[in-house]
Amino acid sequence: MPVYNKLVRDNILNIIQKDGLRYESRLLKPEEHLVEIKKKLYEEVKEFDETTNTHDALEEMADILELLHAALRVQNHTFEDLEQIRVAKKNKRGGFEEGIYLLEVEDR
Protein backbone atom coordinates (compact mmCIF):
# COMPACT_ATOMS: atom_id res chain seq x y z
CA MET A 1 0.00 0.00 0.00
CA PRO A 2 1.57 3.38 -0.98
CA VAL A 3 2.27 5.77 1.91
CA TYR A 4 1.23 9.41 1.44
CA ASN A 5 1.49 11.07 4.87
CA LYS A 6 -0.01 14.34 3.65
CA LEU A 7 -3.05 16.56 3.97
CA VAL A 8 -5.74 15.79 1.41
CA ARG A 9 -9.03 17.40 0.43
CA ASP A 10 -12.08 16.49 2.51
CA ASN A 11 -13.77 14.27 -0.12
CA ILE A 12 -10.70 12.25 -1.09
CA LEU A 13 -11.55 9.42 1.31
CA ASN A 14 -15.01 9.07 -0.25
CA ILE A 15 -13.44 8.92 -3.70
CA ILE A 16 -10.95 6.25 -2.58
CA GLN A 17 -13.76 4.24 -0.99
CA LYS A 18 -15.92 4.47 -4.15
CA ASP A 19 -12.96 3.07 -6.08
CA GLY A 20 -13.13 0.05 -3.76
CA LEU A 21 -9.76 0.74 -2.17
CA ARG A 22 -8.79 0.53 1.48
CA TYR A 23 -7.06 3.42 3.22
CA GLU A 24 -5.78 4.52 6.58
CA SER A 25 -6.25 8.10 7.79
CA ARG A 26 -6.58 10.18 10.93
CA LEU A 27 -7.86 13.62 11.88
CA LEU A 28 -5.22 16.20 12.67
CA LYS A 29 -5.18 18.29 15.83
CA PRO A 30 -5.50 22.04 15.07
CA GLU A 31 -1.78 22.70 15.59
CA GLU A 32 -0.89 19.76 13.32
CA HIS A 33 -3.48 20.87 10.79
CA LEU A 34 -1.87 24.29 10.41
CA VAL A 35 1.59 22.73 9.97
CA GLU A 36 0.24 20.45 7.23
CA ILE A 37 -1.59 23.34 5.54
CA LYS A 38 1.72 25.21 5.37
CA LYS A 39 3.46 22.17 3.85
CA LYS A 40 0.66 21.78 1.32
CA LEU A 41 0.88 25.48 0.43
CA TYR A 42 4.56 25.03 -0.48
CA GLU A 43 3.61 22.03 -2.62
CA GLU A 44 0.85 23.93 -4.42
CA VAL A 45 3.00 27.05 -4.97
CA LYS A 46 5.68 24.82 -6.51
CA GLU A 47 3.06 23.25 -8.78
CA PHE A 48 1.82 26.76 -9.70
CA ASP A 49 5.40 27.76 -10.53
CA GLU A 50 5.70 24.76 -12.86
CA THR A 51 2.49 25.42 -14.82
CA THR A 52 2.79 26.15 -18.50
CA ASN A 53 -0.76 27.18 -19.36
CA THR A 54 -3.55 29.34 -17.94
CA HIS A 55 -5.90 26.46 -17.11
CA ASP A 56 -3.32 24.64 -14.98
CA ALA A 57 -2.28 27.93 -13.36
CA LEU A 58 -5.89 28.64 -12.36
CA GLU A 59 -6.24 25.10 -10.96
CA GLU A 60 -3.17 25.59 -8.77
CA MET A 61 -4.28 29.07 -7.67
CA ALA A 62 -7.65 27.56 -6.66
CA ASP A 63 -5.80 25.00 -4.51
CA ILE A 64 -3.74 27.77 -2.91
CA LEU A 65 -6.89 29.79 -2.19
CA GLU A 66 -8.60 26.74 -0.66
CA LEU A 67 -5.62 26.22 1.63
CA LEU A 68 -5.73 29.86 2.70
CA HIS A 69 -9.42 29.43 3.57
CA ALA A 70 -8.53 26.33 5.62
CA ALA A 71 -5.71 28.15 7.45
CA LEU A 72 -8.08 30.97 8.30
CA ARG A 73 -10.62 28.53 9.77
CA VAL A 74 -7.94 26.79 11.87
CA GLN A 75 -6.89 30.19 13.25
CA ASN A 76 -10.51 31.27 13.87
CA HIS A 77 -10.46 34.03 11.26
CA THR A 78 -12.53 34.68 8.18
CA PHE A 79 -11.67 35.50 4.60
CA GLU A 80 -13.16 38.93 5.31
CA ASP A 81 -10.54 39.43 8.07
CA LEU A 82 -7.81 38.56 5.58
CA GLU A 83 -9.30 40.78 2.89
CA GLN A 84 -9.48 43.71 5.29
CA ILE A 85 -5.76 43.36 6.05
CA ARG A 86 -4.95 42.92 2.34
CA VAL A 87 -6.82 46.12 1.42
CA ALA A 88 -5.19 48.11 4.24
CA LYS A 89 -1.72 46.98 3.12
CA LYS A 90 -2.56 47.76 -0.51
CA ASN A 91 -3.80 51.22 0.41
CA LYS A 92 -0.62 51.91 2.40
CA ARG A 93 2.05 50.28 0.19
CA GLY A 94 0.30 49.45 -3.08
CA GLY A 95 -0.36 46.12 -4.76
CA PHE A 96 1.66 44.12 -7.26
CA GLU A 97 -0.30 44.93 -10.44
CA GLU A 98 2.31 47.13 -12.14
CA GLY A 99 5.12 44.60 -12.11
CA ILE A 100 7.70 46.90 -10.54
CA TYR A 101 11.02 45.09 -10.10
CA LEU A 102 13.38 46.86 -7.65
CA LEU A 103 17.03 46.60 -8.69
CA GLU A 104 18.83 48.40 -5.90
CA VAL A 105 18.51 51.15 -3.27
CA GLU A 106 21.21 53.54 -2.16
CA ASP A 107 22.63 52.86 1.31
CA ARG A 108 22.29 55.55 3.99
C-alpha atoms as a PDB file:
ATOM      1  CA  MET A   1       0.000   0.000   0.000  1.00  0.00           C
ATOM      2  CA  PRO A   2       1.569   3.381  -0.980  1.00  0.00           C
ATOM      3  CA  VAL A   3       2.269   5.766   1.909  1.00  0.00           C
ATOM      4  CA  TYR A   4       1.232   9.406   1.438  1.00  0.00           C
ATOM      5  CA  ASN A   5       1.485  11.068   4.868  1.00  0.00           C
ATOM      6  CA  LYS A   6      -0.015  14.345   3.647  1.00  0.00           C
ATOM      7  CA  LEU A   7      -3.045  16.559   3.972  1.00  0.00           C
ATOM      8  CA  VAL A   8      -5.744  15.792   1.413  1.00  0.00           C
ATOM      9  CA  ARG A   9      -9.035  17.401   0.428  1.00  0.00           C
ATOM     10  CA  ASP A  10     -12.076  16.490   2.512  1.00  0.00           C
ATOM     11  CA  ASN A  11     -13.769  14.274  -0.118  1.00  0.00           C
ATOM     12  CA  ILE A  12     -10.700  12.253  -1.095  1.00  0.00           C
ATOM     13  CA  LEU A  13     -11.549   9.420   1.308  1.00  0.00           C
ATOM     14  CA  ASN A  14     -15.012   9.070  -0.246  1.00  0.00           C
ATOM     15  CA  ILE A  15     -13.437   8.917  -3.704  1.00  0.00           C
ATOM     16  CA  ILE A  16     -10.954   6.253  -2.577  1.00  0.00           C
ATOM     17  CA  GLN A  17     -13.758   4.236  -0.992  1.00  0.00           C
ATOM     18  CA  LYS A  18     -15.923   4.471  -4.147  1.00  0.00           C
ATOM     19  CA  ASP A  19     -12.963   3.071  -6.079  1.00  0.00           C
ATOM     20  CA  GLY A  20     -13.129   0.047  -3.763  1.00  0.00           C
ATOM     21  CA  LEU A  21      -9.757   0.741  -2.165  1.00  0.00           C
ATOM     22  CA  ARG A  22      -8.792   0.532   1.480  1.00  0.00           C
ATOM     23  CA  TYR A  23      -7.061   3.420   3.217  1.00  0.00           C
ATOM     24  CA  GLU A  24      -5.783   4.517   6.584  1.00  0.00           C
ATOM     25  CA  SER A  25      -6.245   8.103   7.794  1.00  0.00           C
ATOM     26  CA  ARG A  26      -6.575  10.184  10.931  1.00  0.00           C
ATOM     27  CA  LEU A  27      -7.864  13.618  11.883  1.00  0.00           C
ATOM     28  CA  LEU A  28      -5.223  16.200  12.669  1.00  0.00           C
ATOM     29  CA  LYS A  29      -5.175  18.285  15.825  1.00  0.00           C
ATOM     30  CA  PRO A  30      -5.503  22.038  15.068  1.00  0.00           C
ATOM     31  CA  GLU A  31      -1.782  22.703  15.586  1.00  0.00           C
ATOM     32  CA  GLU A  32      -0.887  19.760  13.322  1.00  0.00           C
ATOM     33  CA  HIS A  33      -3.480  20.875  10.789  1.00  0.00           C
ATOM     34  CA  LEU A  34      -1.865  24.294  10.415  1.00  0.00           C
ATOM     35  CA  VAL A  35       1.593  22.727   9.966  1.00  0.00           C
ATOM     36  CA  GLU A  36       0.241  20.452   7.227  1.00  0.00           C
ATOM     37  CA  ILE A  37      -1.591  23.336   5.540  1.00  0.00           C
ATOM     38  CA  LYS A  38       1.720  25.210   5.366  1.00  0.00           C
ATOM     39  CA  LYS A  39       3.462  22.167   3.848  1.00  0.00           C
ATOM     40  CA  LYS A  40       0.658  21.782   1.320  1.00  0.00           C
ATOM     41  CA  LEU A  41       0.879  25.481   0.435  1.00  0.00           C
ATOM     42  CA  TYR A  42       4.558  25.034  -0.476  1.00  0.00           C
ATOM     43  CA  GLU A  43       3.610  22.028  -2.621  1.00  0.00           C
ATOM     44  CA  GLU A  44       0.850  23.932  -4.423  1.00  0.00           C
ATOM     45  CA  VAL A  45       3.000  27.053  -4.965  1.00  0.00           C
ATOM     46  CA  LYS A  46       5.680  24.824  -6.509  1.00  0.00           C
ATOM     47  CA  GLU A  47       3.062  23.254  -8.782  1.00  0.00           C
ATOM     48  CA  PHE A  48       1.825  26.760  -9.699  1.00  0.00           C
ATOM     49  CA  ASP A  49       5.402  27.755 -10.532  1.00  0.00           C
ATOM     50  CA  GLU A  50       5.696  24.757 -12.855  1.00  0.00           C
ATOM     51  CA  THR A  51       2.488  25.424 -14.818  1.00  0.00           C
ATOM     52  CA  THR A  52       2.787  26.152 -18.505  1.00  0.00           C
ATOM     53  CA  ASN A  53      -0.765  27.185 -19.356  1.00  0.00           C
ATOM     54  CA  THR A  54      -3.549  29.345 -17.940  1.00  0.00           C
ATOM     55  CA  HIS A  55      -5.904  26.458 -17.111  1.00  0.00           C
ATOM     56  CA  ASP A  56      -3.324  24.639 -14.983  1.00  0.00           C
ATOM     57  CA  ALA A  57      -2.276  27.928 -13.359  1.00  0.00           C
ATOM     58  CA  LEU A  58      -5.889  28.639 -12.364  1.00  0.00           C
ATOM     59  CA  GLU A  59      -6.240  25.099 -10.961  1.00  0.00           C
ATOM     60  CA  GLU A  60      -3.172  25.586  -8.766  1.00  0.00           C
ATOM     61  CA  MET A  61      -4.285  29.066  -7.673  1.00  0.00           C
ATOM     62  CA  ALA A  62      -7.647  27.562  -6.657  1.00  0.00           C
ATOM     63  CA  ASP A  63      -5.802  24.996  -4.514  1.00  0.00           C
ATOM     64  CA  ILE A  64      -3.745  27.773  -2.911  1.00  0.00           C
ATOM     65  CA  LEU A  65      -6.886  29.790  -2.186  1.00  0.00           C
ATOM     66  CA  GLU A  66      -8.605  26.736  -0.665  1.00  0.00           C
ATOM     67  CA  LEU A  67      -5.617  26.218   1.630  1.00  0.00           C
ATOM     68  CA  LEU A  68      -5.734  29.865   2.696  1.00  0.00           C
ATOM     69  CA  HIS A  69      -9.416  29.432   3.574  1.00  0.00           C
ATOM     70  CA  ALA A  70      -8.530  26.327   5.621  1.00  0.00           C
ATOM     71  CA  ALA A  71      -5.708  28.145   7.447  1.00  0.00           C
ATOM     72  CA  LEU A  72      -8.080  30.970   8.303  1.00  0.00           C
ATOM     73  CA  ARG A  73     -10.619  28.529   9.772  1.00  0.00           C
ATOM     74  CA  VAL A  74      -7.941  26.791  11.870  1.00  0.00           C
ATOM     75  CA  GLN A  75      -6.887  30.192  13.250  1.00  0.00           C
ATOM     76  CA  ASN A  76     -10.507  31.269  13.874  1.00  0.00           C
ATOM     77  CA  HIS A  77     -10.461  34.029  11.265  1.00  0.00           C
ATOM     78  CA  THR A  78     -12.532  34.683   8.178  1.00  0.00           C
ATOM     79  CA  PHE A  79     -11.673  35.504   4.603  1.00  0.00           C
ATOM     80  CA  GLU A  80     -13.155  38.935   5.311  1.00  0.00           C
ATOM     81  CA  ASP A  81     -10.538  39.428   8.067  1.00  0.00           C
ATOM     82  CA  LEU A  82      -7.814  38.564   5.579  1.00  0.00           C
ATOM     83  CA  GLU A  83      -9.297  40.782   2.888  1.00  0.00           C
ATOM     84  CA  GLN A  84      -9.478  43.714   5.292  1.00  0.00           C
ATOM     85  CA  ILE A  85      -5.762  43.359   6.048  1.00  0.00           C
ATOM     86  CA  ARG A  86      -4.953  42.925   2.342  1.00  0.00           C
ATOM     87  CA  VAL A  87      -6.821  46.124   1.421  1.00  0.00           C
ATOM     88  CA  ALA A  88      -5.189  48.105   4.243  1.00  0.00           C
ATOM     89  CA  LYS A  89      -1.718  46.978   3.122  1.00  0.00           C
ATOM     90  CA  LYS A  90      -2.555  47.756  -0.506  1.00  0.00           C
ATOM     91  CA  ASN A  91      -3.802  51.224   0.410  1.00  0.00           C
ATOM     92  CA  LYS A  92      -0.624  51.909   2.400  1.00  0.00           C
ATOM     93  CA  ARG A  93       2.046  50.278   0.190  1.00  0.00           C
ATOM     94  CA  GLY A  94       0.304  49.450  -3.079  1.00  0.00           C
ATOM     95  CA  GLY A  95      -0.356  46.121  -4.758  1.00  0.00           C
ATOM     96  CA  PHE A  96       1.659  44.121  -7.263  1.00  0.00           C
ATOM     97  CA  GLU A  97      -0.297  44.926 -10.443  1.00  0.00           C
ATOM     98  CA  GLU A  98       2.308  47.133 -12.142  1.00  0.00           C
ATOM     99  CA  GLY A  99       5.122  44.597 -12.110  1.00  0.00           C
ATOM    100  CA  ILE A 100       7.704  46.904 -10.541  1.00  0.00           C
ATOM    101  CA  TYR A 101      11.024  45.092 -10.097  1.00  0.00           C
ATOM    102  CA  LEU A 102      13.380  46.863  -7.655  1.00  0.00           C
ATOM    103  CA  LEU A 103      17.026  46.597  -8.695  1.00  0.00           C
ATOM    104  CA  GLU A 104      18.833  48.403  -5.902  1.00  0.00           C
ATOM    105  CA  VAL A 105      18.509  51.149  -3.274  1.00  0.00           C
ATOM    106  CA  GLU A 106      21.214  53.539  -2.161  1.00  0.00           C
ATOM    107  CA  ASP A 107      22.631  52.856   1.309  1.00  0.00           C
ATOM    108  CA  ARG A 108      22.294  55.549   3.994  1.00  0.00           C
END
